[in-house]
Amino acid sequence: MPPVVQPEVIADAIYRAALRPRREYWVGQSTIEVIFGNMALPTVLDRLLARKAYRGQMTELPVLPQRRNNLNVPVHDLHRTHGSFDREASRSALLVQGPVARLVAGFAGIALAFCAGALAQHFLSSSARRTRPG
């Protein structure tokens, strides 16, 4: 399911995480979106992914009949790291420590709550002014 990331990008993220071990890293914008979406609206996200994730991994192109796979027996030849999604794959991905991402999300939530409160106060005070006899 898009966005697809080149395997070297993930390998680089693993390498950087090995150099600076932390409890968790989130790799890629889609990872961050899914984690936050699951925090905010888990049921909605589950249903959305159930409908779209499976189809998002499929392609209309048929598999060549001579293509070997490792479903039933191992393939002993060298494997490719790049495949049919190579043209659309990104050459970069966001790498964020989990606690840092949560902190940013917390501040964003506070800012949204403040803006919602200010907007509600504005509308309530303007409607109160309009309904006052004068």
N, C-alpha and C. Protein backbone atom coordinates (compact mmCIF):
# COMPACT_ATOMS: atom_id res chain seq x y z
N MET A 1 0.85 -1.17 0.00
CA MET A 1 0.00 0.00 0.00
C MET A 1 0.90 1.24 0.00
N PRO A 2 0.65 2.18 -0.87
CA PRO A 2 1.50 3.37 -0.94
C PRO A 2 1.52 4.13 0.38
N PRO A 3 2.55 4.82 0.68
CA PRO A 3 3.76 5.00 -0.10
C PRO A 3 4.74 3.84 0.09
N VAL A 4 5.38 3.46 -1.00
CA VAL A 4 6.38 2.40 -1.00
C VAL A 4 7.74 3.06 -0.81
N VAL A 5 8.60 2.43 -0.05
CA VAL A 5 9.93 2.98 0.23
C VAL A 5 10.98 1.99 -0.25
N GLN A 6 12.06 2.51 -0.82
CA GLN A 6 13.15 1.66 -1.29
C GLN A 6 13.73 0.86 -0.12
N PRO A 7 14.19 -0.36 -0.35
CA PRO A 7 14.73 -1.18 0.74
C PRO A 7 15.98 -0.57 1.38
N GLU A 8 16.76 0.18 0.61
CA GLU A 8 17.96 0.81 1.18
C GLU A 8 17.59 1.85 2.25
N VAL A 9 16.45 2.49 2.07
CA VAL A 9 16.00 3.49 3.05
C VAL A 9 15.71 2.82 4.38
N ILE A 10 15.04 1.69 4.33
CA ILE A 10 14.74 0.94 5.56
C ILE A 10 16.03 0.40 6.17
N ALA A 11 16.94 -0.11 5.34
CA ALA A 11 18.22 -0.61 5.84
C ALA A 11 19.00 0.51 6.52
N ASP A 12 18.97 1.71 5.96
CA ASP A 12 19.65 2.85 6.57
C ASP A 12 19.01 3.21 7.91
N ALA A 13 17.69 3.15 7.99
CA ALA A 13 17.00 3.44 9.25
C ALA A 13 17.38 2.41 10.32
N ILE A 14 17.48 1.16 9.93
CA ILE A 14 17.89 0.10 10.87
C ILE A 14 19.33 0.34 11.33
N TYR A 15 20.19 0.71 10.39
CA TYR A 15 21.58 0.98 10.72
C TYR A 15 21.69 2.15 11.71
N ARG A 16 20.97 3.25 11.42
CA ARG A 16 21.01 4.41 12.32
C ARG A 16 20.43 4.06 13.69
N ALA A 17 19.39 3.25 13.72
CA ALA A 17 18.81 2.83 15.00
C ALA A 17 19.80 1.95 15.78
N ALA A 18 20.59 1.16 15.07
CA ALA A 18 21.58 0.32 15.75
C ALA A 18 22.70 1.18 16.34
N LEU A 19 23.03 2.28 15.66
CA LEU A 19 24.07 3.18 16.19
C LEU A 19 23.58 3.98 17.39
N ARG A 20 22.31 4.32 17.41
CA ARG A 20 21.71 5.09 18.52
C ARG A 20 20.48 4.35 19.02
N PRO A 21 20.67 3.29 19.79
CA PRO A 21 19.53 2.48 20.22
C PRO A 21 18.55 3.28 21.10
N ARG A 22 17.30 3.19 20.76
CA ARG A 22 16.20 3.73 21.54
C ARG A 22 15.14 2.66 21.61
N ARG A 23 14.16 2.89 22.46
CA ARG A 23 13.13 1.87 22.64
C ARG A 23 12.36 1.62 21.36
N GLU A 24 12.01 2.70 20.65
CA GLU A 24 11.28 2.53 19.41
C GLU A 24 11.57 3.68 18.45
N TYR A 25 11.49 3.35 17.17
CA TYR A 25 11.60 4.32 16.09
C TYR A 25 10.39 4.14 15.19
N TRP A 26 9.91 5.23 14.65
CA TRP A 26 8.85 5.18 13.65
C TRP A 26 9.48 5.57 12.33
N VAL A 27 9.36 4.69 11.32
CA VAL A 27 9.99 4.93 10.03
C VAL A 27 8.91 5.22 8.99
N GLY A 28 8.96 6.42 8.41
CA GLY A 28 8.05 6.80 7.34
C GLY A 28 6.84 7.56 7.83
N GLN A 29 6.40 8.46 7.00
CA GLN A 29 5.23 9.28 7.32
C GLN A 29 3.98 8.43 7.49
N SER A 30 3.83 7.40 6.67
CA SER A 30 2.63 6.56 6.77
C SER A 30 2.58 5.83 8.11
N THR A 31 3.74 5.46 8.65
CA THR A 31 3.78 4.82 9.97
C THR A 31 3.24 5.77 11.03
N ILE A 32 3.70 7.01 10.98
CA ILE A 32 3.25 8.01 11.95
C ILE A 32 1.75 8.25 11.82
N GLU A 33 1.28 8.37 10.57
CA GLU A 33 -0.15 8.59 10.35
C GLU A 33 -1.00 7.44 10.88
N VAL A 34 -0.55 6.21 10.64
CA VAL A 34 -1.32 5.05 11.10
C VAL A 34 -1.31 4.96 12.63
N ILE A 35 -0.19 5.21 13.26
CA ILE A 35 -0.12 5.13 14.72
C ILE A 35 -1.01 6.20 15.35
N PHE A 36 -0.91 7.45 14.86
CA PHE A 36 -1.76 8.50 15.41
C PHE A 36 -3.23 8.27 15.09
N GLY A 37 -3.49 7.80 13.88
CA GLY A 37 -4.87 7.48 13.52
C GLY A 37 -5.45 6.40 14.41
N ASN A 38 -4.63 5.41 14.73
CA ASN A 38 -5.09 4.34 15.62
C ASN A 38 -5.30 4.84 17.04
N MET A 39 -4.52 5.84 17.45
CA MET A 39 -4.73 6.42 18.78
C MET A 39 -6.04 7.21 18.82
N ALA A 40 -6.34 7.94 17.75
CA ALA A 40 -7.50 8.82 17.73
C ALA A 40 -8.79 8.07 17.39
N LEU A 41 -8.77 7.29 16.34
CA LEU A 41 -9.99 6.62 15.85
C LEU A 41 -9.68 5.17 15.47
N PRO A 42 -9.46 4.30 16.46
CA PRO A 42 -9.02 2.94 16.14
C PRO A 42 -10.01 2.14 15.30
N THR A 43 -11.30 2.22 15.60
CA THR A 43 -12.28 1.43 14.86
C THR A 43 -12.38 1.88 13.41
N VAL A 44 -12.39 3.19 13.20
CA VAL A 44 -12.46 3.73 11.85
C VAL A 44 -11.24 3.29 11.04
N LEU A 45 -10.06 3.40 11.65
CA LEU A 45 -8.84 3.01 10.95
C LEU A 45 -8.82 1.52 10.65
N ASP A 46 -9.27 0.69 11.58
CA ASP A 46 -9.33 -0.75 11.33
C ASP A 46 -10.20 -1.06 10.12
N ARG A 47 -11.36 -0.43 10.06
CA ARG A 47 -12.27 -0.68 8.94
C ARG A 47 -11.69 -0.17 7.62
N LEU A 48 -11.07 0.99 7.66
CA LEU A 48 -10.46 1.56 6.46
C LEU A 48 -9.35 0.65 5.93
N LEU A 49 -8.47 0.21 6.82
CA LEU A 49 -7.37 -0.67 6.41
C LEU A 49 -7.88 -2.03 5.95
N ALA A 50 -8.94 -2.53 6.58
CA ALA A 50 -9.49 -3.81 6.17
C ALA A 50 -10.01 -3.74 4.74
N ARG A 51 -10.57 -2.58 4.36
CA ARG A 51 -11.09 -2.42 2.99
C ARG A 51 -9.99 -2.15 1.98
N LYS A 52 -9.00 -1.34 2.35
CA LYS A 52 -8.05 -0.84 1.35
C LYS A 52 -6.68 -1.50 1.37
N ALA A 53 -6.22 -1.99 2.49
CA ALA A 53 -4.84 -2.47 2.59
C ALA A 53 -4.57 -3.68 1.71
N TYR A 54 -5.48 -4.62 1.67
CA TYR A 54 -5.26 -5.81 0.86
C TYR A 54 -5.18 -5.45 -0.62
N ARG A 55 -6.15 -4.68 -1.10
CA ARG A 55 -6.15 -4.28 -2.51
C ARG A 55 -4.94 -3.39 -2.83
N GLY A 56 -4.49 -2.60 -1.87
CA GLY A 56 -3.37 -1.71 -2.10
C GLY A 56 -2.06 -2.44 -2.34
N GLN A 57 -1.99 -3.70 -1.96
CA GLN A 57 -0.78 -4.48 -2.16
C GLN A 57 -0.82 -5.30 -3.45
N MET A 58 -1.93 -5.23 -4.15
CA MET A 58 -2.10 -6.01 -5.36
C MET A 58 -1.81 -5.16 -6.60
N THR A 59 -1.60 -5.84 -7.70
CA THR A 59 -1.39 -5.19 -8.98
C THR A 59 -2.21 -5.93 -10.03
N GLU A 60 -2.51 -5.23 -11.11
CA GLU A 60 -3.27 -5.85 -12.19
C GLU A 60 -2.39 -6.71 -13.09
N LEU A 61 -1.07 -6.56 -12.98
CA LEU A 61 -0.16 -7.32 -13.83
C LEU A 61 -0.11 -8.78 -13.40
N PRO A 62 -0.23 -9.71 -14.34
CA PRO A 62 -0.16 -11.13 -13.98
C PRO A 62 1.28 -11.53 -13.64
N VAL A 63 1.41 -12.52 -12.80
CA VAL A 63 2.72 -13.07 -12.44
C VAL A 63 3.15 -14.01 -13.56
N LEU A 64 4.41 -13.91 -13.94
CA LEU A 64 4.92 -14.80 -14.98
C LEU A 64 4.88 -16.25 -14.50
N PRO A 65 4.48 -17.18 -15.36
CA PRO A 65 4.35 -18.58 -14.93
C PRO A 65 5.67 -19.20 -14.47
N GLN A 66 6.80 -18.76 -15.02
CA GLN A 66 8.09 -19.35 -14.65
C GLN A 66 8.70 -18.70 -13.40
N ARG A 67 8.03 -17.72 -12.84
CA ARG A 67 8.56 -17.04 -11.64
C ARG A 67 8.57 -18.01 -10.46
N ARG A 68 9.73 -18.10 -9.84
CA ARG A 68 9.84 -18.94 -8.65
C ARG A 68 9.55 -18.10 -7.42
N ASN A 69 8.99 -18.72 -6.41
CA ASN A 69 8.74 -18.02 -5.16
C ASN A 69 9.10 -18.94 -4.01
N ASN A 70 9.06 -18.42 -2.81
CA ASN A 70 9.44 -19.23 -1.65
C ASN A 70 8.24 -19.64 -0.80
N LEU A 71 7.09 -19.79 -1.44
CA LEU A 71 5.91 -20.18 -0.70
C LEU A 71 6.01 -21.63 -0.20
N ASN A 72 6.42 -22.54 -1.07
CA ASN A 72 6.47 -23.95 -0.69
C ASN A 72 7.88 -24.51 -0.57
N VAL A 73 8.80 -23.98 -1.34
CA VAL A 73 10.19 -24.43 -1.30
C VAL A 73 11.11 -23.22 -1.35
N PRO A 74 12.27 -23.30 -0.73
CA PRO A 74 13.19 -22.16 -0.76
C PRO A 74 13.71 -21.88 -2.16
N VAL A 75 13.96 -20.63 -2.44
CA VAL A 75 14.60 -20.23 -3.69
C VAL A 75 16.06 -19.97 -3.33
N HIS A 76 16.97 -20.71 -3.96
CA HIS A 76 18.37 -20.64 -3.56
C HIS A 76 19.19 -19.64 -4.36
N ASP A 77 18.63 -19.10 -5.42
CA ASP A 77 19.36 -18.10 -6.20
C ASP A 77 19.37 -16.77 -5.46
N LEU A 78 20.16 -15.85 -6.00
CA LEU A 78 20.17 -14.51 -5.42
C LEU A 78 18.81 -13.85 -5.64
N HIS A 79 18.39 -13.10 -4.66
CA HIS A 79 17.10 -12.42 -4.75
C HIS A 79 17.31 -10.96 -5.13
N ARG A 80 16.32 -10.38 -5.75
CA ARG A 80 16.35 -8.95 -6.04
C ARG A 80 15.83 -8.20 -4.82
N THR A 81 16.39 -7.03 -4.58
CA THR A 81 15.84 -6.19 -3.51
C THR A 81 14.87 -5.17 -4.08
N HIS A 82 14.89 -5.00 -5.38
CA HIS A 82 13.97 -4.07 -6.04
C HIS A 82 13.01 -4.87 -6.88
N GLY A 83 11.75 -4.46 -6.85
CA GLY A 83 10.75 -5.23 -7.57
C GLY A 83 9.86 -4.38 -8.42
N SER A 84 8.63 -4.84 -8.57
CA SER A 84 7.69 -4.20 -9.49
C SER A 84 7.23 -2.82 -9.01
N PHE A 85 7.39 -2.50 -7.75
CA PHE A 85 6.98 -1.20 -7.24
C PHE A 85 8.15 -0.20 -7.21
N ASP A 86 9.23 -0.54 -7.85
CA ASP A 86 10.44 0.28 -7.79
C ASP A 86 10.24 1.69 -8.34
N ARG A 87 9.45 1.82 -9.39
CA ARG A 87 9.25 3.15 -10.00
C ARG A 87 8.54 4.12 -9.07
N GLU A 88 7.65 3.63 -8.23
CA GLU A 88 6.90 4.52 -7.35
C GLU A 88 7.51 4.62 -5.95
N ALA A 89 8.57 3.87 -5.68
CA ALA A 89 9.15 3.85 -4.34
C ALA A 89 9.94 5.12 -4.05
N SER A 90 9.81 5.59 -2.82
CA SER A 90 10.51 6.80 -2.38
C SER A 90 11.94 6.46 -1.99
N ARG A 91 12.82 7.43 -2.16
CA ARG A 91 14.22 7.25 -1.79
C ARG A 91 14.54 7.86 -0.43
N SER A 92 13.51 8.27 0.30
CA SER A 92 13.73 8.82 1.64
C SER A 92 12.51 8.53 2.50
N ALA A 93 12.73 8.53 3.79
CA ALA A 93 11.64 8.32 4.75
C ALA A 93 12.00 9.01 6.06
N LEU A 94 10.99 9.44 6.73
CA LEU A 94 11.14 10.09 8.02
C LEU A 94 11.53 9.04 9.06
N LEU A 95 12.47 9.36 9.94
CA LEU A 95 12.84 8.48 11.04
C LEU A 95 12.70 9.28 12.32
N VAL A 96 11.74 8.90 13.15
CA VAL A 96 11.43 9.66 14.37
C VAL A 96 11.41 8.70 15.55
N GLN A 97 11.98 9.14 16.66
CA GLN A 97 11.87 8.36 17.89
C GLN A 97 10.43 8.43 18.38
N GLY A 98 9.90 7.32 18.84
CA GLY A 98 8.52 7.27 19.30
C GLY A 98 8.16 8.33 20.33
N PRO A 99 8.96 8.51 21.39
CA PRO A 99 8.62 9.54 22.39
C PRO A 99 8.59 10.95 21.81
N VAL A 100 9.47 11.25 20.88
CA VAL A 100 9.49 12.58 20.26
C VAL A 100 8.20 12.79 19.47
N ALA A 101 7.79 11.78 18.72
CA ALA A 101 6.55 11.88 17.93
C ALA A 101 5.35 12.07 18.84
N ARG A 102 5.31 11.35 19.96
CA ARG A 102 4.20 11.50 20.91
C ARG A 102 4.16 12.91 21.51
N LEU A 103 5.34 13.45 21.81
CA LEU A 103 5.41 14.81 22.36
C LEU A 103 4.88 15.83 21.36
N VAL A 104 5.30 15.70 20.11
CA VAL A 104 4.80 16.60 19.06
C VAL A 104 3.29 16.46 18.92
N ALA A 105 2.80 15.23 18.95
CA ALA A 105 1.36 15.00 18.84
C ALA A 105 0.62 15.61 20.03
N GLY A 106 1.21 15.51 21.21
CA GLY A 106 0.59 16.11 22.39
C GLY A 106 0.48 17.61 22.26
N PHE A 107 1.56 18.25 21.82
CA PHE A 107 1.52 19.70 21.62
C PHE A 107 0.52 20.08 20.52
N ALA A 108 0.47 19.30 19.47
CA ALA A 108 -0.49 19.58 18.40
C ALA A 108 -1.93 19.44 18.92
N GLY A 109 -2.16 18.44 19.75
CA GLY A 109 -3.49 18.26 20.35
C GLY A 109 -3.87 19.42 21.25
N ILE A 110 -2.92 19.88 22.05
CA ILE A 110 -3.18 21.04 22.91
C ILE A 110 -3.48 22.27 22.07
N ALA A 111 -2.70 22.48 21.02
CA ALA A 111 -2.92 23.64 20.14
C ALA A 111 -4.29 23.56 19.47
N LEU A 112 -4.69 22.37 19.02
CA LEU A 112 -6.01 22.22 18.41
C LEU A 112 -7.12 22.47 19.42
N ALA A 113 -6.95 21.97 20.62
CA ALA A 113 -7.96 22.20 21.66
C ALA A 113 -8.06 23.69 21.99
N PHE A 114 -6.94 24.38 22.06
CA PHE A 114 -6.94 25.82 22.33
C PHE A 114 -7.66 26.56 21.20
N CYS A 115 -7.34 26.21 19.95
CA CYS A 115 -7.99 26.87 18.80
C CYS A 115 -9.49 26.59 18.79
N ALA A 116 -9.88 25.36 19.09
CA ALA A 116 -11.30 25.02 19.14
C ALA A 116 -12.00 25.81 20.23
N GLY A 117 -11.35 25.96 21.39
CA GLY A 117 -11.93 26.74 22.48
C GLY A 117 -12.06 28.21 22.12
N ALA A 118 -11.03 28.77 21.49
CA ALA A 118 -11.07 30.17 21.08
C ALA A 118 -12.16 30.39 20.04
N LEU A 119 -12.29 29.46 19.10
CA LEU A 119 -13.32 29.57 18.07
C LEU A 119 -14.72 29.47 18.69
N ALA A 120 -14.90 28.53 19.60
CA ALA A 120 -16.19 28.39 20.28
C ALA A 120 -16.53 29.65 21.07
N GLN A 121 -15.55 30.20 21.78
CA GLN A 121 -15.78 31.43 22.54
C GLN A 121 -16.17 32.58 21.61
N HIS A 122 -15.50 32.67 20.47
CA HIS A 122 -15.81 33.72 19.50
C HIS A 122 -17.25 33.61 19.01
N PHE A 123 -17.66 32.40 18.63
CA PHE A 123 -19.02 32.22 18.12
C PHE A 123 -20.06 32.41 19.22
N LEU A 124 -19.77 31.95 20.43
CA LEU A 124 -20.72 32.12 21.53
C LEU A 124 -20.87 33.59 21.90
N SER A 125 -19.77 34.31 21.95
CA SER A 125 -19.86 35.72 22.33
C SER A 125 -20.51 36.55 21.21
N SER A 126 -20.27 36.21 19.95
CA SER A 126 -20.89 36.98 18.87
C SER A 126 -22.39 36.68 18.79
N SER A 127 -22.80 35.44 19.07
CA SER A 127 -24.24 35.13 19.06
C SER A 127 -24.92 35.76 20.27
N ALA A 128 -24.23 35.88 21.39
CA ALA A 128 -24.81 36.54 22.56
C ALA A 128 -25.01 38.02 22.30
N ARG A 129 -24.07 38.64 21.57
CA ARG A 129 -24.22 40.07 21.24
C ARG A 129 -25.39 40.31 20.31
N ARG A 130 -25.62 39.39 19.39
CA ARG A 130 -26.73 39.55 18.44
C ARG A 130 -28.09 39.36 19.10
N THR A 131 -28.17 38.54 20.14
CA THR A 131 -29.46 38.27 20.76
C THR A 131 -29.80 39.23 21.88
N ARG A 132 -28.87 40.07 22.31
CA ARG A 132 -29.15 41.05 23.37
C ARG A 132 -30.10 42.14 22.85
N PRO A 133 -31.10 42.49 23.67
CA PRO A 133 -31.97 43.59 23.26
C PRO A 133 -31.20 44.90 23.38
N GLY A 134 -31.36 45.76 22.49
CA GLY A 134 -30.59 46.98 22.62
C GLY A 134 -31.13 48.03 21.81
